[in-house]
C-alpha atoms as a PDB file:
ATOM      1  CA  UNK A   1      99.164  94.349 147.955  1.00  0.00           C
ATOM      2  CA  UNK A   2     100.111  98.010 147.735  1.00  0.00           C
ATOM      3  CA  UNK A   3     103.804  97.134 147.694  1.00  0.00           C
ATOM      4  CA  UNK A   4     103.312  94.793 144.734  1.00  0.00           C
ATOM      5  CA  UNK A   5     101.304  97.450 142.902  1.00  0.00           C
ATOM      6  CA  UNK A   6     104.012 100.034 143.540  1.00  0.00           C
ATOM      7  CA  UNK A   7     106.660  97.622 142.271  1.00  0.00           C
ATOM      8  CA  UNK A   8     104.738  97.185 139.042  1.00  0.00           C
ATOM      9  CA  UNK A   9     104.424 100.912 138.487  1.00  0.00           C
ATOM     10  CA  UNK A  10     107.942 101.906 139.526  1.00  0.00           C
ATOM     11  CA  UNK A  11     109.945  98.870 138.525  1.00  0.00           C
ATOM     12  CA  UNK A  12     113.667  99.092 138.001  1.00  0.00           C
ATOM     13  CA  UNK A  13     114.469  98.104 134.398  1.00  0.00           C
ATOM     14  CA  UNK A  14     117.864  96.739 135.438  1.00  0.00           C
ATOM     15  CA  UNK A  15     116.348  94.460 138.102  1.00  0.00           C
ATOM     16  CA  UNK A  16     113.623  93.413 135.677  1.00  0.00           C
ATOM     17  CA  UNK A  17     116.253  92.508 133.064  1.00  0.00           C
ATOM     18  CA  UNK A  18     118.325  90.571 135.607  1.00  0.00           C
ATOM     19  CA  UNK A  19     115.277  88.598 136.720  1.00  0.00           C
ATOM     20  CA  UNK A  20     114.366  87.858 133.110  1.00  0.00           C
ATOM     21  CA  UNK A  21     117.907  86.658 132.355  1.00  0.00           C
ATOM     22  CA  UNK A  22     117.909  84.394 135.424  1.00  0.00           C
ATOM     23  CA  UNK A  23     114.588  82.901 134.383  1.00  0.00           C
ATOM     24  CA  UNK A  24     115.893  82.300 130.862  1.00  0.00           C
ATOM     25  CA  UNK A  25     119.042  80.635 132.196  1.00  0.00           C
ATOM     26  CA  UNK A  26     116.988  78.342 134.421  1.00  0.00           C
ATOM     27  CA  UNK A  27     114.751  77.380 131.504  1.00  0.00           C
ATOM     28  CA  UNK A  28     117.743  76.622 129.268  1.00  0.00           C
ATOM     29  CA  UNK A  29     119.349  74.595 132.050  1.00  0.00           C
ATOM     30  CA  UNK A  30     116.156  72.573 132.547  1.00  0.00           C
ATOM     31  CA  UNK A  31     116.021  71.802 128.829  1.00  0.00           C
ATOM     32  CA  UNK A  32     119.663  70.686 128.832  1.00  0.00           C
ATOM     33  CA  UNK A  33     119.064  68.414 131.815  1.00  0.00           C
ATOM     34  CA  UNK A  34     115.943  66.964 130.207  1.00  0.00           C
ATOM     35  CA  UNK A  35     117.869  66.307 126.998  1.00  0.00           C
ATOM     36  CA  UNK A  36     120.496  64.337 128.905  1.00  0.00           C
ATOM     37  CA  UNK A  37     117.785  62.350 130.701  1.00  0.00           C
ATOM     38  CA  UNK A  38     116.182  61.497 127.355  1.00  0.00           C
ATOM     39  CA  UNK A  39     119.540  60.402 125.926  1.00  0.00           C
ATOM     40  CA  UNK A  40     120.050  58.168 128.963  1.00  0.00           C
ATOM     41  CA  UNK A  41     116.655  56.515 128.500  1.00  0.00           C
ATOM     42  CA  UNK A  42     114.628  58.059 131.323  1.00  0.00           C
ATOM     43  CA  UNK A  43     110.876  57.750 130.963  1.00  0.00           C
ATOM     44  CA  UNK A  44     108.738  60.610 129.723  1.00  0.00           C
ATOM     45  CA  UNK A  45     106.703  60.630 132.935  1.00  0.00           C
ATOM     46  CA  UNK A  46     109.809  60.863 135.094  1.00  0.00           C
ATOM     47  CA  UNK A  47     111.215  63.744 133.075  1.00  0.00           C
ATOM     48  CA  UNK A  48     107.968  65.718 133.060  1.00  0.00           C
ATOM     49  CA  UNK A  49     107.519  65.220 136.815  1.00  0.00           C
ATOM     50  CA  UNK A  50     111.141  65.902 137.757  1.00  0.00           C
ATOM     51  CA  UNK A  51     111.958  68.832 135.517  1.00  0.00           C
ATOM     52  CA  UNK A  52     109.834  71.896 134.922  1.00  0.00           C
ATOM     53  CA  UNK A  53     109.269  71.530 131.167  1.00  0.00           C
ATOM     54  CA  UNK A  54     106.154  71.197 129.052  1.00  0.00           C
ATOM     55  CA  UNK A  55     105.187  68.171 127.028  1.00  0.00           C
ATOM     56  CA  UNK A  56     105.709  70.292 123.908  1.00  0.00           C
ATOM     57  CA  UNK A  57     109.313  70.991 124.972  1.00  0.00           C
ATOM     58  CA  UNK A  58     109.800  67.290 125.688  1.00  0.00           C
ATOM     59  CA  UNK A  59     108.608  66.306 122.218  1.00  0.00           C
ATOM     60  CA  UNK A  60     110.844  68.965 120.662  1.00  0.00           C
ATOM     61  CA  UNK A  61     113.871  67.570 122.510  1.00  0.00           C
ATOM     62  CA  UNK A  62     113.049  64.027 121.400  1.00  0.00           C
ATOM     63  CA  UNK A  63     112.909  65.222 117.790  1.00  0.00           C
ATOM     64  CA  UNK A  64     116.261  66.991 118.166  1.00  0.00           C
ATOM     65  CA  UNK A  65     117.873  63.864 119.591  1.00  0.00           C
ATOM     66  CA  UNK A  66     116.462  61.715 116.787  1.00  0.00           C
ATOM     67  CA  UNK A  67     117.883  64.126 114.201  1.00  0.00           C
ATOM     68  CA  UNK A  68     121.270  64.083 115.947  1.00  0.00           C
ATOM     69  CA  UNK A  69     121.428  60.293 115.986  1.00  0.00           C
ATOM     70  CA  UNK A  70     120.377  60.031 112.324  1.00  0.00           C
ATOM     71  CA  UNK A  71     123.094  62.453 111.253  1.00  0.00           C
ATOM     72  CA  UNK A  72     125.828  60.414 112.972  1.00  0.00           C
END
C-alpha cells in the first residue's frame, strides 16, 4: 500500500502521459473493432461482451454507421 501511495505522490509525468496515451490508443482501437463488427452484422450482445465498450459508445457507433450509409 505504501508503494502505491508513494507512486501517487511522486509520479513521473512522462510515465503518466505514456500510460494515458496507451489507454487512449486501446480505447480508440476497441471502438474501431466494434465499428467493423457492427458493419459486419454482429449482434449487440456479442459486441458488448467481446469488446470493452459501453452501451452508449455502441449506440454512438450505430448512429455513425447509419449516417455513413445514408450519405452514400
